[in-house]
Amino acid sequence: MFFLPAAAAEPEPGPRRHTMDVPTTYRERLHARPAGPLALDGEPTGVVLMTEPKISFAGRLSLAFGSFFAILGNAELAAGVRRLRNGETFAPAATPAAAPQPPAPAAAPVAKPAPAAAPVVAIDEANPQSALQLLGLLQRNARFVDFVEEDIANYGDADIGAAARLVHEGCRATLREHFTIRPVRTETEGSRVTIAEGFDATAIRLTGNVVGAAPYNGTISHRGWRVEDVKLPKLVKSNDAKVLAPAEVEL
């Protein structure tokens, strides 16, 4: 842009300086126009612009080369320079508005966790073969089934006691031969003990006045028994375990 003062100031007294002679008609036109910047065609723009500092010849040369290549590579800049040379106001190309983002989907409601199902207690079928095998051993070593199935109502206590002694000895020998049995509690019967919380209900049974929650204080009335090892003989497939004792025929 080129700027001209609104009116020429009168020269102060002093040495005369060389000034450019301007035709009178041009001065009259200049005084007749409102003060302000002029566009490239010499007409006033009506817009007050700030005066920029003068650029040296080398700076103008560098700016010219840089503008030349910038205009070649940027079509929008070239169009803006053309509008500026035609006296139009330079306005940079509007940045396209960003496309509206779709609203975020509403969060799905979180389902409340279902209450945990009660654990299912696994129930295994009892193997009758082992029970039948044990009964056969007790019958063979202690005549256990004979003693239980005998009607002892007509026998005296002395006779029953003598028979019970034989049964006791045979049963005890059978259990010790085929089983390793230990007491559940090592304390002697009658001892005071404290049963802590989380005790094994299959190994300890509470009796008497059971009120509240553990820990419990009580007296051992029975130590209990626990099998640690089983050593039953192997069965022959041809053997019928249901026959606890074969019938005897004397010839």
C-alpha atoms as a PDB file:
ATOM      1  CA  MET A   1       0.000   0.000   0.000  1.00  0.00           C
ATOM      2  CA  PHE A   2       1.144   3.572  -0.694  1.00  0.00           C
ATOM      3  CA  PHE A   3       0.486   6.438   1.761  1.00  0.00           C
ATOM      4  CA  LEU A   4       0.415  10.189   1.062  1.00  0.00           C
ATOM      5  CA  PRO A   5      -0.055  12.921   3.694  1.00  0.00           C
ATOM      6  CA  ALA A   6      -3.383  14.728   3.828  1.00  0.00           C
ATOM      7  CA  ALA A   7      -1.753  18.177   3.228  1.00  0.00           C
ATOM      8  CA  ALA A   8       1.749  19.298   2.373  1.00  0.00           C
ATOM      9  CA  ALA A   9       3.437  21.066   5.281  1.00  0.00           C
ATOM     10  CA  GLU A  10       4.983  24.498   4.664  1.00  0.00           C
ATOM     11  CA  PRO A  11       8.803  24.332   4.584  1.00  0.00           C
ATOM     12  CA  GLU A  12      10.532  25.806   7.557  1.00  0.00           C
ATOM     13  CA  PRO A  13      13.053  28.576   6.948  1.00  0.00           C
ATOM     14  CA  GLY A  14      16.513  27.248   6.297  1.00  0.00           C
ATOM     15  CA  PRO A  15      18.531  25.777   3.490  1.00  0.00           C
ATOM     16  CA  ARG A  16      16.399  25.037   0.483  1.00  0.00           C
ATOM     17  CA  ARG A  17      15.940  21.331  -0.178  1.00  0.00           C
ATOM     18  CA  HIS A  18      15.293  19.753  -3.543  1.00  0.00           C
ATOM     19  CA  THR A  19      11.682  18.596  -3.790  1.00  0.00           C
ATOM     20  CA  MET A  20       9.769  16.898  -6.581  1.00  0.00           C
ATOM     21  CA  ASP A  21       7.578  19.296  -8.514  1.00  0.00           C
ATOM     22  CA  VAL A  22       3.969  18.112  -8.472  1.00  0.00           C
ATOM     23  CA  PRO A  23       1.527  19.461 -11.040  1.00  0.00           C
ATOM     24  CA  THR A  24      -0.875  21.963  -9.628  1.00  0.00           C
ATOM     25  CA  THR A  25      -3.862  20.038 -10.804  1.00  0.00           C
ATOM     26  CA  TYR A  26      -2.714  16.970  -8.821  1.00  0.00           C
ATOM     27  CA  ARG A  27      -2.235  19.079  -5.665  1.00  0.00           C
ATOM     28  CA  GLU A  28      -5.750  20.406  -6.069  1.00  0.00           C
ATOM     29  CA  ARG A  29      -7.105  16.898  -6.366  1.00  0.00           C
ATOM     30  CA  LEU A  30      -5.134  15.876  -3.316  1.00  0.00           C
ATOM     31  CA  HIS A  31      -6.498  18.754  -1.183  1.00  0.00           C
ATOM     32  CA  ALA A  32     -10.029  18.041  -2.370  1.00  0.00           C
ATOM     33  CA  ARG A  33      -9.975  14.375  -1.227  1.00  0.00           C
ATOM     34  CA  PRO A  34     -10.344  13.241   2.368  1.00  0.00           C
ATOM     35  CA  ALA A  35      -7.110  12.348   4.123  1.00  0.00           C
ATOM     36  CA  GLY A  36      -6.405   8.668   4.315  1.00  0.00           C
ATOM     37  CA  PRO A  37      -4.556   5.792   2.659  1.00  0.00           C
ATOM     38  CA  LEU A  38      -4.878   5.230  -1.027  1.00  0.00           C
ATOM     39  CA  ALA A  39      -5.477   1.954  -2.842  1.00  0.00           C
ATOM     40  CA  LEU A  40      -3.372   0.849  -5.740  1.00  0.00           C
ATOM     41  CA  ASP A  41      -5.481   2.823  -8.187  1.00  0.00           C
ATOM     42  CA  GLY A  42      -4.925   6.070  -6.243  1.00  0.00           C
ATOM     43  CA  GLU A  43      -8.447   6.248  -4.774  1.00  0.00           C
ATOM     44  CA  PRO A  44      -8.881   6.622  -1.011  1.00  0.00           C
ATOM     45  CA  THR A  45      -9.932   3.439   0.737  1.00  0.00           C
ATOM     46  CA  GLY A  46     -11.462   5.032   3.814  1.00  0.00           C
ATOM     47  CA  VAL A  47      -9.557   2.572   6.028  1.00  0.00           C
ATOM     48  CA  VAL A  48      -6.788   3.833   8.275  1.00  0.00           C
ATOM     49  CA  LEU A  49      -3.777   1.521   8.120  1.00  0.00           C
ATOM     50  CA  MET A  50      -0.674   1.594  10.257  1.00  0.00           C
ATOM     51  CA  THR A  51       2.465   2.773   8.494  1.00  0.00           C
ATOM     52  CA  GLU A  52       4.955  -0.032   8.128  1.00  0.00           C
ATOM     53  CA  PRO A  53       8.712   0.628   8.208  1.00  0.00           C
ATOM     54  CA  LYS A  54      10.449   0.975   4.866  1.00  0.00           C
ATOM     55  CA  ILE A  55      12.073  -2.150   3.416  1.00  0.00           C
ATOM     56  CA  SER A  56      15.534  -1.985   1.863  1.00  0.00           C
ATOM     57  CA  PHE A  57      16.189  -2.939  -1.754  1.00  0.00           C
ATOM     58  CA  ALA A  58      17.709  -6.285  -0.755  1.00  0.00           C
ATOM     59  CA  GLY A  59      14.706  -6.992   1.490  1.00  0.00           C
ATOM     60  CA  ARG A  60      12.280  -6.123  -1.316  1.00  0.00           C
ATOM     61  CA  LEU A  61      14.191  -8.366  -3.695  1.00  0.00           C
ATOM     62  CA  SER A  62      14.092 -11.293  -1.252  1.00  0.00           C
ATOM     63  CA  LEU A  63      10.382 -10.668  -0.585  1.00  0.00           C
ATOM     64  CA  ALA A  64       9.643 -10.562  -4.299  1.00  0.00           C
ATOM     65  CA  PHE A  65      11.326 -13.919  -4.954  1.00  0.00           C
ATOM     66  CA  GLY A  66       9.636 -15.496  -1.952  1.00  0.00           C
ATOM     67  CA  SER A  67       6.223 -14.148  -2.939  1.00  0.00           C
ATOM     68  CA  PHE A  68       6.740 -15.341  -6.520  1.00  0.00           C
ATOM     69  CA  PHE A  69       7.251 -18.990  -5.501  1.00  0.00           C
ATOM     70  CA  ALA A  70       4.582 -18.805  -2.801  1.00  0.00           C
ATOM     71  CA  ILE A  71       1.993 -17.594  -5.305  1.00  0.00           C
ATOM     72  CA  LEU A  72       2.992 -20.370  -7.743  1.00  0.00           C
ATOM     73  CA  GLY A  73       2.456 -23.032  -5.099  1.00  0.00           C
ATOM     74  CA  ASN A  74      -0.656 -21.662  -3.370  1.00  0.00           C
ATOM     75  CA  ALA A  75      -3.792 -21.004  -5.447  1.00  0.00           C
ATOM     76  CA  GLU A  76      -5.607 -19.323  -2.555  1.00  0.00           C
ATOM     77  CA  LEU A  77      -2.720 -16.907  -1.957  1.00  0.00           C
ATOM     78  CA  ALA A  78      -2.628 -16.065  -5.691  1.00  0.00           C
ATOM     79  CA  ALA A  79      -6.368 -15.301  -5.661  1.00  0.00           C
ATOM     80  CA  GLY A  80      -5.912 -13.073  -2.613  1.00  0.00           C
ATOM     81  CA  VAL A  81      -3.093 -11.101  -4.271  1.00  0.00           C
ATOM     82  CA  ARG A  82      -5.264 -10.601  -7.362  1.00  0.00           C
ATOM     83  CA  ARG A  83      -8.132  -9.259  -5.239  1.00  0.00           C
ATOM     84  CA  LEU A  84      -5.690  -6.930  -3.456  1.00  0.00           C
ATOM     85  CA  ARG A  85      -4.342  -5.560  -6.745  1.00  0.00           C
ATOM     86  CA  ASN A  86      -7.934  -4.975  -7.927  1.00  0.00           C
ATOM     87  CA  GLY A  87      -8.615  -2.851  -4.849  1.00  0.00           C
ATOM     88  CA  GLU A  88     -10.701  -5.479  -3.011  1.00  0.00           C
ATOM     89  CA  THR A  89     -10.279  -6.223   0.682  1.00  0.00           C
ATOM     90  CA  PHE A  90      -8.086  -9.261   1.266  1.00  0.00           C
ATOM     91  CA  ALA A  91      -9.902 -11.915   3.300  1.00  0.00           C
ATOM     92  CA  PRO A  92      -8.323 -15.307   3.948  1.00  0.00           C
ATOM     93  CA  ALA A  93     -10.262 -18.334   2.923  1.00  0.00           C
ATOM     94  CA  ALA A  94     -12.652 -19.399   5.638  1.00  0.00           C
ATOM     95  CA  THR A  95     -11.723 -22.582   7.371  1.00  0.00           C
ATOM     96  CA  PRO A  96     -14.455 -25.166   6.817  1.00  0.00           C
ATOM     97  CA  ALA A  97     -16.410 -25.794   9.962  1.00  0.00           C
ATOM     98  CA  ALA A  98     -15.810 -29.144  11.519  1.00  0.00           C
ATOM     99  CA  ALA A  99     -18.569 -31.625  10.972  1.00  0.00           C
ATOM    100  CA  PRO A 100     -20.748 -32.019  14.065  1.00  0.00           C
ATOM    101  CA  GLN A 101     -19.824 -35.091  16.014  1.00  0.00           C
ATOM    102  CA  PRO A 102     -22.649 -37.532  16.677  1.00  0.00           C
ATOM    103  CA  PRO A 103     -23.684 -37.647  20.302  1.00  0.00           C
ATOM    104  CA  ALA A 104     -21.970 -40.334  22.322  1.00  0.00           C
ATOM    105  CA  PRO A 105     -24.192 -43.355  22.861  1.00  0.00           C
ATOM    106  CA  ALA A 106     -25.700 -43.587  26.278  1.00  0.00           C
ATOM    107  CA  ALA A 107     -23.982 -46.054  28.535  1.00  0.00           C
ATOM    108  CA  ALA A 108     -25.815 -49.318  28.816  1.00  0.00           C
ATOM    109  CA  PRO A 109     -27.286 -49.936  32.247  1.00  0.00           C
ATOM    110  CA  VAL A 110     -25.102 -52.183  34.322  1.00  0.00           C
ATOM    111  CA  ALA A 111     -26.973 -55.266  35.360  1.00  0.00           C
ATOM    112  CA  LYS A 112     -26.790 -56.136  39.002  1.00  0.00           C
ATOM    113  CA  PRO A 113     -24.833 -59.323  39.580  1.00  0.00           C
ATOM    114  CA  ALA A 114     -27.001 -62.263  40.367  1.00  0.00           C
ATOM    115  CA  PRO A 115     -26.611 -63.669  43.857  1.00  0.00           C
ATOM    116  CA  ALA A 116     -24.131 -66.491  44.008  1.00  0.00           C
ATOM    117  CA  ALA A 117     -25.782 -69.860  43.905  1.00  0.00           C
ATOM    118  CA  ALA A 118     -25.362 -72.086  46.885  1.00  0.00           C
ATOM    119  CA  PRO A 119     -22.606 -74.631  46.337  1.00  0.00           C
ATOM    120  CA  VAL A 120     -23.900 -78.001  45.262  1.00  0.00           C
ATOM    121  CA  VAL A 121     -22.826 -80.759  47.596  1.00  0.00           C
ATOM    122  CA  ALA A 122     -21.541 -83.699  45.597  1.00  0.00           C
ATOM    123  CA  ILE A 123     -22.988 -86.989  46.736  1.00  0.00           C
ATOM    124  CA  ASP A 124     -21.130 -90.116  45.718  1.00  0.00           C
ATOM    125  CA  GLU A 125     -22.768 -93.468  45.641  1.00  0.00           C
ATOM    126  CA  ALA A 126     -21.509 -95.827  48.299  1.00  0.00           C
ATOM    127  CA  ASN A 127     -19.646 -98.839  47.007  1.00  0.00           C
ATOM    128  CA  PRO A 128     -21.426-101.866  48.470  1.00  0.00           C
ATOM    129  CA  GLN A 129     -18.519-104.147  47.619  1.00  0.00           C
ATOM    130  CA  SER A 130     -16.297-102.657  50.350  1.00  0.00           C
ATOM    131  CA  ALA A 131     -19.032-102.845  52.976  1.00  0.00           C
ATOM    132  CA  LEU A 132     -19.790-106.438  52.075  1.00  0.00           C
ATOM    133  CA  GLN A 133     -16.091-107.268  52.180  1.00  0.00           C
ATOM    134  CA  LEU A 134     -15.752-105.796  55.710  1.00  0.00           C
ATOM    135  CA  LEU A 135     -18.771-107.713  56.956  1.00  0.00           C
ATOM    136  CA  GLY A 136     -17.285-110.903  55.525  1.00  0.00           C
ATOM    137  CA  LEU A 137     -13.978-110.267  57.376  1.00  0.00           C
ATOM    138  CA  LEU A 138     -15.758-109.615  60.690  1.00  0.00           C
ATOM    139  CA  GLN A 139     -17.821-112.722  60.258  1.00  0.00           C
ATOM    140  CA  ARG A 140     -14.800-114.837  59.450  1.00  0.00           C
ATOM    141  CA  ASN A 141     -12.561-113.554  62.304  1.00  0.00           C
ATOM    142  CA  ALA A 142     -15.104-112.708  65.011  1.00  0.00           C
ATOM    143  CA  ARG A 143     -18.376-114.449  64.083  1.00  0.00           C
ATOM    144  CA  PHE A 144     -19.841-110.956  64.223  1.00  0.00           C
ATOM    145  CA  VAL A 145     -22.958-111.673  62.159  1.00  0.00           C
ATOM    146  CA  ASP A 146     -23.631-114.853  64.153  1.00  0.00           C
ATOM    147  CA  PHE A 147     -23.438-112.916  67.422  1.00  0.00           C
ATOM    148  CA  VAL A 148     -25.743-110.085  66.215  1.00  0.00           C
ATOM    149  CA  GLU A 149     -28.294-112.417  64.636  1.00  0.00           C
ATOM    150  CA  GLU A 150     -28.439-114.731  67.687  1.00  0.00           C
ATOM    151  CA  ASP A 151     -31.436-114.372  69.997  1.00  0.00           C
ATOM    152  CA  ILE A 152     -29.754-113.811  73.359  1.00  0.00           C
ATOM    153  CA  ALA A 153     -32.928-113.261  75.378  1.00  0.00           C
ATOM    154  CA  ASN A 154     -32.770-116.768  76.875  1.00  0.00           C
ATOM    155  CA  TYR A 155     -29.052-116.543  77.778  1.00  0.00           C
ATOM    156  CA  GLY A 156     -27.661-115.317  81.044  1.00  0.00           C
ATOM    157  CA  ASP A 157     -25.359-112.372  81.427  1.00  0.00           C
ATOM    158  CA  ALA A 158     -22.387-114.636  82.082  1.00  0.00           C
ATOM    159  CA  ASP A 159     -22.966-116.526  78.829  1.00  0.00           C
ATOM    160  CA  ILE A 160     -23.449-113.295  76.859  1.00  0.00           C
ATOM    161  CA  GLY A 161     -20.349-111.768  78.416  1.00  0.00           C
ATOM    162  CA  ALA A 162     -18.212-114.787  77.488  1.00  0.00           C
ATOM    163  CA  ALA A 163     -19.461-114.688  73.873  1.00  0.00           C
ATOM    164  CA  ALA A 164     -18.984-110.907  73.678  1.00  0.00           C
ATOM    165  CA  ARG A 165     -15.370-111.282  74.732  1.00  0.00           C
ATOM    166  CA  LEU A 166     -14.676-113.587  71.786  1.00  0.00           C
ATOM    167  CA  VAL A 167     -16.481-111.240  69.368  1.00  0.00           C
ATOM    168  CA  HIS A 168     -14.583-108.246  70.743  1.00  0.00           C
ATOM    169  CA  GLU A 169     -11.204-109.873  70.257  1.00  0.00           C
ATOM    170  CA  GLY A 170     -11.967-110.953  66.693  1.00  0.00           C
ATOM    171  CA  CYS A 171     -13.406-107.537  65.676  1.00  0.00           C
ATOM    172  CA  ARG A 172     -10.466-105.678  67.161  1.00  0.00           C
ATOM    173  CA  ALA A 173      -7.947-107.878  65.346  1.00  0.00           C
ATOM    174  CA  THR A 174      -9.799-107.394  62.040  1.00  0.00           C
ATOM    175  CA  LEU A 175      -9.912-103.600  62.341  1.00  0.00           C
ATOM    176  CA  ARG A 176      -6.251-103.318  63.289  1.00  0.00           C
ATOM    177  CA  GLU A 177      -5.232-105.574  60.430  1.00  0.00           C
ATOM    178  CA  HIS A 178      -7.059-103.748  57.674  1.00  0.00           C
ATOM    179  CA  PHE A 179      -7.468-100.179  58.994  1.00  0.00           C
ATOM    180  CA  THR A 180      -5.288 -97.493  60.573  1.00  0.00           C
ATOM    181  CA  ILE A 181      -7.526 -95.670  63.037  1.00  0.00           C
ATOM    182  CA  ARG A 182      -6.567 -92.564  65.055  1.00  0.00           C
ATOM    183  CA  PRO A 183      -8.630 -90.348  67.437  1.00  0.00           C
ATOM    184  CA  VAL A 184      -9.930 -87.038  66.030  1.00  0.00           C
ATOM    185  CA  ARG A 185      -8.961 -85.119  69.198  1.00  0.00           C
ATOM    186  CA  THR A 186      -5.740 -85.892  71.004  1.00  0.00           C
ATOM    187  CA  GLU A 187      -6.947 -84.504  74.363  1.00  0.00           C
ATOM    188  CA  THR A 188      -8.212 -86.930  76.969  1.00  0.00           C
ATOM    189  CA  GLU A 189     -11.937 -87.228  77.561  1.00  0.00           C
ATOM    190  CA  GLY A 190     -13.149 -84.684  80.135  1.00  0.00           C
ATOM    191  CA  SER A 191     -10.654 -81.997  79.070  1.00  0.00           C
ATOM    192  CA  ARG A 192     -11.821 -78.393  78.537  1.00  0.00           C
ATOM    193  CA  VAL A 193     -11.281 -77.185  74.970  1.00  0.00           C
ATOM    194  CA  THR A 194     -12.133 -74.153  72.814  1.00  0.00           C
ATOM    195  CA  ILE A 195     -13.635 -74.768  69.382  1.00  0.00           C
ATOM    196  CA  ALA A 196     -12.596 -71.905  67.093  1.00  0.00           C
ATOM    197  CA  GLU A 197     -14.611 -70.386  64.271  1.00  0.00           C
ATOM    198  CA  GLY A 198     -14.552 -72.337  61.005  1.00  0.00           C
ATOM    199  CA  PHE A 199     -14.197 -75.752  62.614  1.00  0.00           C
ATOM    200  CA  ASP A 200     -14.869 -78.926  60.604  1.00  0.00           C
ATOM    201  CA  ALA A 201     -18.452 -79.862  61.374  1.00  0.00           C
ATOM    202  CA  THR A 202     -17.901 -83.389  60.023  1.00  0.00           C
ATOM    203  CA  ALA A 203     -15.079 -83.998  62.518  1.00  0.00           C
ATOM    204  CA  ILE A 204     -16.571 -82.213  65.561  1.00  0.00           C
ATOM    205  CA  ARG A 205     -20.206 -82.471  66.649  1.00  0.00           C
ATOM    206  CA  LEU A 206     -21.475 -80.001  69.232  1.00  0.00           C
ATOM    207  CA  THR A 207     -23.922 -81.319  71.815  1.00  0.00           C
ATOM    208  CA  GLY A 208     -25.708 -79.806  74.776  1.00  0.00           C
ATOM    209  CA  ASN A 209     -26.677 -76.102  74.873  1.00  0.00           C
ATOM    210  CA  VAL A 210     -25.428 -74.805  71.540  1.00  0.00           C
ATOM    211  CA  VAL A 211     -26.171 -71.017  71.465  1.00  0.00           C
ATOM    212  CA  GLY A 212     -24.563 -68.203  69.476  1.00  0.00           C
ATOM    213  CA  ALA A 213     -21.545 -68.410  67.208  1.00  0.00           C
ATOM    214  CA  ALA A 214     -18.003 -69.743  67.581  1.00  0.00           C
ATOM    215  CA  PRO A 215     -15.716 -69.804  69.446  1.00  0.00           C
ATOM    216  CA  TYR A 216     -17.280 -72.353  71.809  1.00  0.00           C
ATOM    217  CA  ASN A 217     -15.954 -73.581  75.137  1.00  0.00           C
ATOM    218  CA  GLY A 218     -16.810 -77.123  76.179  1.00  0.00           C
ATOM    219  CA  THR A 219     -15.703 -80.488  77.509  1.00  0.00           C
ATOM    220  CA  ILE A 220     -14.657 -83.445  75.379  1.00  0.00           C
ATOM    221  CA  SER A 221     -17.099 -86.280  75.959  1.00  0.00           C
ATOM    222  CA  HIS A 222     -15.742 -88.428  73.091  1.00  0.00           C
ATOM    223  CA  ARG A 223     -12.480 -88.046  71.154  1.00  0.00           C
ATOM    224  CA  GLY A 224     -13.890 -89.397  67.899  1.00  0.00           C
ATOM    225  CA  TRP A 225     -12.207 -91.702  65.391  1.00  0.00           C
ATOM    226  CA  ARG A 226     -10.655 -91.104  61.990  1.00  0.00           C
ATOM    227  CA  VAL A 227      -9.469 -93.696  59.448  1.00  0.00           C
ATOM    228  CA  GLU A 228      -6.066 -92.773  58.030  1.00  0.00           C
ATOM    229  CA  ASP A 229      -5.403 -95.865  55.913  1.00  0.00           C
ATOM    230  CA  VAL A 230      -7.380 -98.806  54.501  1.00  0.00           C
ATOM    231  CA  LYS A 231      -5.805-102.110  53.507  1.00  0.00           C
ATOM    232  CA  LEU A 232      -8.622-104.372  52.334  1.00  0.00           C
ATOM    233  CA  PRO A 233      -7.713-107.465  50.314  1.00  0.00           C
ATOM    234  CA  LYS A 234      -8.381-107.475  46.591  1.00  0.00           C
ATOM    235  CA  LEU A 235     -11.556-109.178  45.402  1.00  0.00           C
ATOM    236  CA  VAL A 236     -11.706-111.933  42.857  1.00  0.00           C
ATOM    237  CA  LYS A 237     -14.274-111.220  40.171  1.00  0.00           C
ATOM    238  CA  SER A 238     -15.697-114.729  40.431  1.00  0.00           C
ATOM    239  CA  ASN A 239     -16.254-114.261  44.180  1.00  0.00           C
ATOM    240  CA  ASP A 240     -19.745-113.167  45.270  1.00  0.00           C
ATOM    241  CA  ALA A 241     -19.203-110.585  48.005  1.00  0.00           C
ATOM    242  CA  LYS A 242     -22.813-110.823  49.069  1.00  0.00           C
ATOM    243  CA  VAL A 243     -22.094-114.230  50.569  1.00  0.00           C
ATOM    244  CA  LEU A 244     -20.686-113.170  53.958  1.00  0.00           C
ATOM    245  CA  ALA A 245     -20.256-116.736  55.138  1.00  0.00           C
ATOM    246  CA  PRO A 246     -20.898-119.887  53.131  1.00  0.00           C
ATOM    247  CA  ALA A 247     -23.333-122.445  54.439  1.00  0.00           C
ATOM    248  CA  GLU A 248     -21.598-125.472  55.995  1.00  0.00           C
ATOM    249  CA  VAL A 249     -22.714-129.010  55.194  1.00  0.00           C
ATOM    250  CA  GLU A 250     -21.295-131.812  57.308  1.00  0.00           C
ATOM    251  CA  LEU A 251     -21.085-135.149  55.551  1.00  0.00           C
END
